[in-house]
């Protein structure tokens, strides 16, 4: 059975307990790695300046502590295999729904199950949905 390495565990431990619970269950079913949980001001603004985030500090869900967002990807990482990323998003969303955890993901920001209408694709991003929606 897959398990998180030290770095993934450290990043996940910086996240909200619901995200920890979710990805502890995900790892039982699908090998993945946690890239990032909580982000410092410098890190957030660095990603913003690189165009990898649409918001500056402190406006990202990653900037709270514990973090209300996590970046997680299927392992081993192949950034060119977007189909695998979308499959992973479906797995995470399904498990979140089973656990009663409301999430929003960067593959489908508006939750309409249509990915072609997104103007910013952030496939690794999952966050606690403050409006309590499951998607």
N, C-alpha and C. Protein backbone atom coordinates (compact mmCIF):
# COMPACT_ATOMS: atom_id res chain seq x y z
N UNK A 1 0.85 -1.18 0.00
CA UNK A 1 0.00 0.00 0.00
C UNK A 1 0.90 1.25 0.00
N UNK A 2 0.55 2.25 -0.81
CA UNK A 2 1.35 3.47 -0.84
C UNK A 2 1.30 4.19 0.51
N UNK A 3 2.30 5.02 0.74
CA UNK A 3 2.31 5.84 1.96
C UNK A 3 3.05 7.14 1.66
N UNK A 4 2.81 8.14 2.46
CA UNK A 4 3.45 9.42 2.27
C UNK A 4 4.88 9.40 2.78
N UNK A 5 5.75 10.07 2.04
CA UNK A 5 7.12 10.26 2.48
C UNK A 5 7.19 11.39 3.50
N UNK A 6 8.37 11.64 3.99
CA UNK A 6 8.59 12.65 5.03
C UNK A 6 8.15 14.03 4.56
N UNK A 7 8.53 14.42 3.36
CA UNK A 7 8.19 15.75 2.86
C UNK A 7 6.67 15.90 2.67
N UNK A 8 6.04 14.90 2.08
CA UNK A 8 4.58 14.95 1.91
C UNK A 8 3.88 15.03 3.26
N UNK A 9 4.34 14.25 4.19
CA UNK A 9 3.73 14.22 5.53
C UNK A 9 3.85 15.61 6.18
N UNK A 10 5.03 16.24 6.05
CA UNK A 10 5.24 17.56 6.64
C UNK A 10 4.29 18.59 6.01
N UNK A 11 4.15 18.54 4.69
CA UNK A 11 3.25 19.47 4.01
C UNK A 11 1.79 19.22 4.41
N UNK A 12 1.39 17.96 4.46
CA UNK A 12 0.02 17.63 4.83
C UNK A 12 -0.28 18.04 6.26
N UNK A 13 0.69 17.92 7.14
CA UNK A 13 0.49 18.30 8.55
C UNK A 13 0.26 19.79 8.73
N UNK A 14 0.58 20.59 7.70
CA UNK A 14 0.35 22.04 7.79
C UNK A 14 -1.07 22.40 7.34
N UNK A 15 -1.86 21.39 6.99
CA UNK A 15 -3.20 21.61 6.42
C UNK A 15 -4.31 21.41 7.45
N UNK A 16 -5.46 21.93 7.12
CA UNK A 16 -6.69 21.76 7.91
C UNK A 16 -6.94 20.27 8.14
N UNK A 17 -7.50 19.94 9.26
CA UNK A 17 -7.73 18.54 9.63
C UNK A 17 -8.59 17.79 8.61
N UNK A 18 -9.54 18.48 7.96
CA UNK A 18 -10.36 17.81 6.94
C UNK A 18 -9.51 17.41 5.73
N UNK A 19 -8.56 18.26 5.34
CA UNK A 19 -7.68 17.91 4.23
C UNK A 19 -6.76 16.76 4.62
N UNK A 20 -6.30 16.76 5.85
CA UNK A 20 -5.48 15.64 6.34
C UNK A 20 -6.28 14.35 6.29
N UNK A 21 -7.49 14.39 6.80
CA UNK A 21 -8.36 13.21 6.80
C UNK A 21 -8.61 12.72 5.37
N UNK A 22 -8.89 13.65 4.47
CA UNK A 22 -9.15 13.31 3.07
C UNK A 22 -7.96 12.61 2.43
N UNK A 23 -6.79 13.21 2.54
CA UNK A 23 -5.63 12.62 1.84
C UNK A 23 -5.06 11.40 2.54
N UNK A 24 -5.34 11.24 3.82
CA UNK A 24 -4.98 9.98 4.49
C UNK A 24 -5.81 8.84 3.91
N UNK A 25 -7.02 9.14 3.49
CA UNK A 25 -7.85 8.13 2.84
C UNK A 25 -7.45 7.96 1.37
N UNK A 26 -7.18 9.04 0.68
CA UNK A 26 -6.79 8.97 -0.73
C UNK A 26 -5.56 8.08 -0.90
N UNK A 27 -4.56 8.24 -0.05
CA UNK A 27 -3.31 7.49 -0.19
C UNK A 27 -3.53 5.98 -0.05
N UNK A 28 -4.61 5.58 0.59
CA UNK A 28 -4.92 4.16 0.71
C UNK A 28 -5.37 3.56 -0.63
N UNK A 29 -5.83 4.42 -1.53
CA UNK A 29 -6.40 3.96 -2.80
C UNK A 29 -5.58 4.34 -4.02
N UNK A 30 -4.77 5.39 -3.89
CA UNK A 30 -4.05 5.90 -5.07
C UNK A 30 -2.77 6.58 -4.60
N UNK A 31 -1.64 6.19 -5.17
CA UNK A 31 -0.37 6.78 -4.76
C UNK A 31 -0.31 8.24 -5.20
N UNK A 32 0.04 9.09 -4.27
CA UNK A 32 0.13 10.52 -4.56
C UNK A 32 1.17 11.16 -3.67
N UNK A 33 1.50 12.38 -4.00
CA UNK A 33 2.43 13.15 -3.18
C UNK A 33 1.81 14.51 -2.89
N UNK A 34 2.14 15.04 -1.74
CA UNK A 34 1.66 16.36 -1.33
C UNK A 34 2.78 17.35 -1.64
N UNK A 35 2.50 18.26 -2.54
CA UNK A 35 3.52 19.24 -2.93
C UNK A 35 3.58 20.40 -1.96
N UNK A 36 2.41 20.87 -1.54
CA UNK A 36 2.40 22.06 -0.71
C UNK A 36 1.11 22.18 0.08
N UNK A 37 1.27 22.60 1.31
CA UNK A 37 0.15 22.95 2.17
C UNK A 37 0.23 24.44 2.45
N UNK A 38 0.64 24.78 3.66
CA UNK A 38 0.77 26.19 4.05
C UNK A 38 1.87 26.87 3.24
N UNK A 39 1.61 28.12 2.84
CA UNK A 39 2.60 28.93 2.13
C UNK A 39 2.89 30.21 2.91
N UNK A 40 4.17 30.53 2.97
CA UNK A 40 4.59 31.79 3.57
C UNK A 40 4.30 32.93 2.60
N UNK A 41 4.43 34.15 3.09
CA UNK A 41 4.24 35.33 2.25
C UNK A 41 5.21 35.33 1.07
N UNK A 42 6.48 35.04 1.33
CA UNK A 42 7.47 35.03 0.24
C UNK A 42 7.13 33.98 -0.81
N UNK A 43 6.76 32.79 -0.37
CA UNK A 43 6.44 31.71 -1.31
C UNK A 43 5.20 32.04 -2.14
N UNK A 44 4.17 32.57 -1.50
CA UNK A 44 2.95 32.92 -2.21
C UNK A 44 3.22 33.98 -3.27
N UNK A 45 3.96 35.00 -2.90
CA UNK A 45 4.23 36.08 -3.84
C UNK A 45 5.18 35.64 -4.96
N UNK A 46 6.06 34.70 -4.66
CA UNK A 46 6.91 34.12 -5.69
C UNK A 46 6.06 33.39 -6.74
N UNK A 47 5.13 32.57 -6.30
CA UNK A 47 4.25 31.84 -7.22
C UNK A 47 3.36 32.80 -8.01
N UNK A 48 2.92 33.86 -7.37
CA UNK A 48 2.13 34.87 -8.06
C UNK A 48 2.95 35.53 -9.17
N UNK A 49 4.18 35.90 -8.86
CA UNK A 49 5.03 36.57 -9.86
C UNK A 49 5.38 35.64 -11.02
N UNK A 50 5.38 34.33 -10.78
CA UNK A 50 5.64 33.33 -11.83
C UNK A 50 4.38 32.98 -12.62
N UNK A 51 3.24 33.51 -12.23
CA UNK A 51 1.98 33.21 -12.90
C UNK A 51 1.39 31.87 -12.50
N UNK A 52 1.91 31.27 -11.44
CA UNK A 52 1.41 29.97 -10.99
C UNK A 52 0.31 30.10 -9.94
N UNK A 53 0.05 31.33 -9.53
CA UNK A 53 -1.07 31.63 -8.64
C UNK A 53 -1.69 32.93 -9.13
N UNK A 54 -2.98 33.05 -8.93
CA UNK A 54 -3.69 34.26 -9.36
C UNK A 54 -3.82 35.29 -8.24
N UNK A 55 -3.38 34.93 -7.03
CA UNK A 55 -3.53 35.84 -5.90
C UNK A 55 -2.22 36.01 -5.15
N UNK A 56 -2.07 37.20 -4.58
CA UNK A 56 -0.91 37.50 -3.74
C UNK A 56 -1.25 37.21 -2.28
N UNK A 57 -0.23 37.11 -1.46
CA UNK A 57 -0.39 36.96 -0.02
C UNK A 57 -1.19 38.16 0.50
N UNK A 58 -2.14 38.00 1.36
CA UNK A 58 -2.57 36.82 2.10
C UNK A 58 -3.86 36.21 1.55
N UNK A 59 -4.11 36.35 0.25
CA UNK A 59 -5.41 36.01 -0.33
C UNK A 59 -5.56 34.58 -0.80
N UNK A 60 -4.56 33.75 -0.61
CA UNK A 60 -4.66 32.34 -1.00
C UNK A 60 -5.12 31.50 0.18
N UNK A 61 -5.88 30.45 -0.11
CA UNK A 61 -6.28 29.50 0.94
C UNK A 61 -5.05 28.82 1.55
N UNK A 62 -3.93 28.84 0.82
CA UNK A 62 -2.68 28.27 1.33
C UNK A 62 -2.06 29.13 2.42
N UNK A 63 -2.48 30.39 2.55
CA UNK A 63 -1.81 31.32 3.45
C UNK A 63 -2.29 31.26 4.89
N UNK A 64 -3.39 30.60 5.14
CA UNK A 64 -3.86 30.45 6.52
C UNK A 64 -3.08 29.32 7.18
N UNK A 65 -3.12 29.31 8.50
CA UNK A 65 -2.51 28.18 9.22
C UNK A 65 -3.50 27.73 10.28
N UNK A 66 -3.97 26.48 10.17
CA UNK A 66 -3.60 25.51 9.14
C UNK A 66 -4.13 25.92 7.77
N UNK A 67 -3.45 25.43 6.76
CA UNK A 67 -3.80 25.77 5.38
C UNK A 67 -5.16 25.20 5.02
N UNK A 68 -5.95 26.01 4.34
CA UNK A 68 -7.25 25.56 3.85
C UNK A 68 -7.15 25.00 2.44
N UNK A 69 -5.91 24.89 1.93
CA UNK A 69 -5.68 24.34 0.60
C UNK A 69 -4.45 23.44 0.61
N UNK A 70 -4.46 22.53 -0.34
CA UNK A 70 -3.33 21.61 -0.50
C UNK A 70 -3.11 21.38 -1.99
N UNK A 71 -1.86 21.24 -2.37
CA UNK A 71 -1.52 20.85 -3.74
C UNK A 71 -1.04 19.40 -3.68
N UNK A 72 -1.76 18.53 -4.36
CA UNK A 72 -1.46 17.10 -4.35
C UNK A 72 -1.52 16.59 -5.79
N UNK A 73 -0.63 15.66 -6.10
CA UNK A 73 -0.55 15.12 -7.46
C UNK A 73 -0.35 13.62 -7.42
N UNK A 74 -0.77 12.94 -8.49
CA UNK A 74 -0.51 11.50 -8.57
C UNK A 74 1.00 11.24 -8.65
N UNK A 75 1.41 10.14 -8.05
CA UNK A 75 2.83 9.77 -8.02
C UNK A 75 3.02 8.46 -8.78
N UNK A 76 4.09 8.34 -9.57
CA UNK A 76 5.11 9.34 -9.84
C UNK A 76 4.56 10.48 -10.69
N UNK A 77 5.18 11.64 -10.54
CA UNK A 77 4.70 12.86 -11.20
C UNK A 77 5.09 12.85 -12.67
N UNK A 78 4.10 13.06 -13.53
CA UNK A 78 4.32 13.26 -14.96
C UNK A 78 3.43 14.44 -15.36
N UNK A 79 4.02 15.63 -15.39
CA UNK A 79 3.26 16.85 -15.65
C UNK A 79 2.60 16.84 -17.02
N UNK A 80 3.08 16.01 -17.93
CA UNK A 80 2.51 15.96 -19.28
C UNK A 80 1.28 15.06 -19.37
N UNK A 81 1.04 14.24 -18.37
CA UNK A 81 -0.07 13.29 -18.40
C UNK A 81 -1.29 13.90 -17.71
N UNK A 82 -1.93 14.85 -18.37
CA UNK A 82 -3.07 15.54 -17.76
C UNK A 82 -4.27 14.62 -17.56
N UNK A 83 -4.39 13.61 -18.40
CA UNK A 83 -5.50 12.66 -18.20
C UNK A 83 -5.41 11.99 -16.84
N UNK A 84 -4.20 11.65 -16.44
CA UNK A 84 -4.00 11.03 -15.14
C UNK A 84 -4.35 12.01 -14.02
N UNK A 85 -4.01 13.28 -14.21
CA UNK A 85 -4.35 14.30 -13.23
C UNK A 85 -5.87 14.42 -13.07
N UNK A 86 -6.58 14.43 -14.20
CA UNK A 86 -8.04 14.53 -14.13
C UNK A 86 -8.64 13.29 -13.46
N UNK A 87 -8.08 12.13 -13.72
CA UNK A 87 -8.55 10.92 -13.05
C UNK A 87 -8.33 11.05 -11.54
N UNK A 88 -7.17 11.55 -11.16
CA UNK A 88 -6.85 11.75 -9.75
C UNK A 88 -7.83 12.73 -9.10
N UNK A 89 -8.16 13.80 -9.80
CA UNK A 89 -9.14 14.77 -9.29
C UNK A 89 -10.46 14.05 -9.01
N UNK A 90 -10.89 13.19 -9.92
CA UNK A 90 -12.13 12.45 -9.72
C UNK A 90 -12.08 11.55 -8.51
N UNK A 91 -10.95 10.89 -8.31
CA UNK A 91 -10.78 10.02 -7.14
C UNK A 91 -10.87 10.84 -5.86
N UNK A 92 -10.16 11.96 -5.82
CA UNK A 92 -10.16 12.81 -4.63
C UNK A 92 -11.57 13.34 -4.37
N UNK A 93 -12.24 13.79 -5.40
CA UNK A 93 -13.60 14.32 -5.23
C UNK A 93 -14.55 13.23 -4.73
N UNK A 94 -14.43 12.03 -5.25
CA UNK A 94 -15.28 10.93 -4.82
C UNK A 94 -15.06 10.57 -3.36
N UNK A 95 -13.81 10.50 -2.96
CA UNK A 95 -13.50 10.17 -1.56
C UNK A 95 -13.96 11.30 -0.65
N UNK A 96 -13.76 12.55 -1.07
CA UNK A 96 -14.23 13.68 -0.27
C UNK A 96 -15.74 13.61 -0.06
N UNK A 97 -16.45 13.28 -1.11
CA UNK A 97 -17.90 13.17 -1.01
C UNK A 97 -18.30 12.06 -0.03
N UNK A 98 -17.62 10.93 -0.12
CA UNK A 98 -17.92 9.82 0.81
C UNK A 98 -17.66 10.21 2.26
N UNK A 99 -16.63 11.04 2.47
CA UNK A 99 -16.27 11.45 3.83
C UNK A 99 -17.08 12.65 4.31
N UNK A 100 -17.88 13.25 3.42
CA UNK A 100 -18.65 14.42 3.78
C UNK A 100 -17.80 15.68 3.91
N UNK A 101 -16.69 15.72 3.18
CA UNK A 101 -15.79 16.87 3.20
C UNK A 101 -16.05 17.70 1.95
N UNK A 102 -16.37 18.95 2.14
CA UNK A 102 -16.68 19.85 1.03
C UNK A 102 -15.38 20.44 0.47
N UNK A 103 -15.10 20.13 -0.79
CA UNK A 103 -13.89 20.66 -1.41
C UNK A 103 -14.21 21.32 -2.74
N UNK A 104 -13.29 22.14 -3.15
CA UNK A 104 -13.29 22.75 -4.48
C UNK A 104 -11.91 22.46 -5.06
N UNK A 105 -11.84 22.25 -6.36
CA UNK A 105 -10.55 21.93 -6.95
C UNK A 105 -10.24 22.84 -8.13
N UNK A 106 -8.95 22.99 -8.40
CA UNK A 106 -8.48 23.87 -9.46
C UNK A 106 -8.70 23.33 -10.85
N UNK A 107 -9.24 22.14 -10.97
CA UNK A 107 -9.60 21.59 -12.28
C UNK A 107 -11.01 22.02 -12.68
N UNK A 108 -11.81 22.44 -11.69
CA UNK A 108 -13.21 22.78 -11.94
C UNK A 108 -13.65 23.79 -10.88
N UNK A 109 -13.15 25.01 -10.97
CA UNK A 109 -13.37 26.02 -9.94
C UNK A 109 -14.85 26.26 -9.63
N UNK A 110 -15.68 26.22 -10.64
CA UNK A 110 -17.10 26.52 -10.41
C UNK A 110 -17.94 25.28 -10.11
N UNK A 111 -17.33 24.10 -10.15
CA UNK A 111 -18.01 22.88 -9.74
C UNK A 111 -19.11 22.40 -10.66
N UNK A 112 -19.07 22.81 -11.92
CA UNK A 112 -20.14 22.41 -12.84
C UNK A 112 -19.81 21.14 -13.63
N UNK A 113 -18.71 20.49 -13.29
CA UNK A 113 -18.23 19.27 -13.94
C UNK A 113 -17.84 19.50 -15.41
N UNK A 114 -17.63 20.74 -15.77
CA UNK A 114 -17.18 21.11 -17.11
C UNK A 114 -15.81 21.77 -16.97
N UNK A 115 -14.77 21.10 -17.46
CA UNK A 115 -13.42 21.63 -17.28
C UNK A 115 -12.99 22.58 -18.39
N UNK A 116 -13.71 22.60 -19.50
CA UNK A 116 -13.33 23.47 -20.61
C UNK A 116 -13.68 24.93 -20.37
N UNK A 117 -14.46 25.22 -19.35
CA UNK A 117 -14.85 26.61 -19.08
C UNK A 117 -13.95 27.29 -18.05
N UNK A 118 -12.85 26.68 -17.70
CA UNK A 118 -11.93 27.25 -16.72
C UNK A 118 -10.94 28.19 -17.43
N UNK A 119 -10.63 29.31 -16.79
CA UNK A 119 -9.63 30.20 -17.38
C UNK A 119 -8.28 30.10 -16.67
N UNK A 120 -8.22 29.32 -15.61
CA UNK A 120 -6.96 29.06 -14.91
C UNK A 120 -7.00 27.63 -14.41
N UNK A 121 -6.22 26.77 -15.02
CA UNK A 121 -6.18 25.36 -14.64
C UNK A 121 -5.10 25.16 -13.58
N UNK A 122 -5.49 24.67 -12.43
CA UNK A 122 -4.57 24.40 -11.33
C UNK A 122 -4.87 22.98 -10.84
N UNK A 123 -4.48 22.01 -11.65
CA UNK A 123 -4.86 20.61 -11.40
C UNK A 123 -4.44 20.07 -10.04
N UNK A 124 -3.31 20.49 -9.46
CA UNK A 124 -2.95 19.94 -8.15
C UNK A 124 -3.74 20.53 -6.97
N UNK A 125 -4.49 21.60 -7.19
CA UNK A 125 -5.08 22.36 -6.09
C UNK A 125 -6.42 21.81 -5.61
N UNK A 126 -6.51 21.62 -4.30
CA UNK A 126 -7.75 21.24 -3.62
C UNK A 126 -7.89 22.13 -2.40
N UNK A 127 -9.10 22.61 -2.16
CA UNK A 127 -9.30 23.48 -1.01
C UNK A 127 -10.64 23.19 -0.34
N UNK A 128 -10.69 23.53 0.94
CA UNK A 128 -11.94 23.45 1.69
C UNK A 128 -12.90 24.45 1.05
N UNK A 129 -14.09 24.03 0.73
CA UNK A 129 -15.08 24.93 0.13
C UNK A 129 -15.86 25.62 1.24
N UNK A 130 -15.69 26.93 1.35
CA UNK A 130 -16.36 27.65 2.44
C UNK A 130 -17.87 27.70 2.31
N UNK A 131 -18.40 27.43 1.12
CA UNK A 131 -19.85 27.45 0.93
C UNK A 131 -20.49 26.09 1.17
N UNK A 132 -19.67 25.11 1.53
CA UNK A 132 -20.21 23.80 1.88
C UNK A 132 -20.69 22.95 0.72
N UNK A 133 -20.19 23.24 -0.49
CA UNK A 133 -20.60 22.46 -1.65
C UNK A 133 -19.67 21.26 -1.82
N UNK A 134 -20.20 20.19 -2.36
CA UNK A 134 -19.41 19.01 -2.72
C UNK A 134 -19.14 19.07 -4.21
N UNK A 135 -17.91 19.34 -4.62
CA UNK A 135 -17.55 19.23 -6.03
C UNK A 135 -16.08 19.21 -6.23
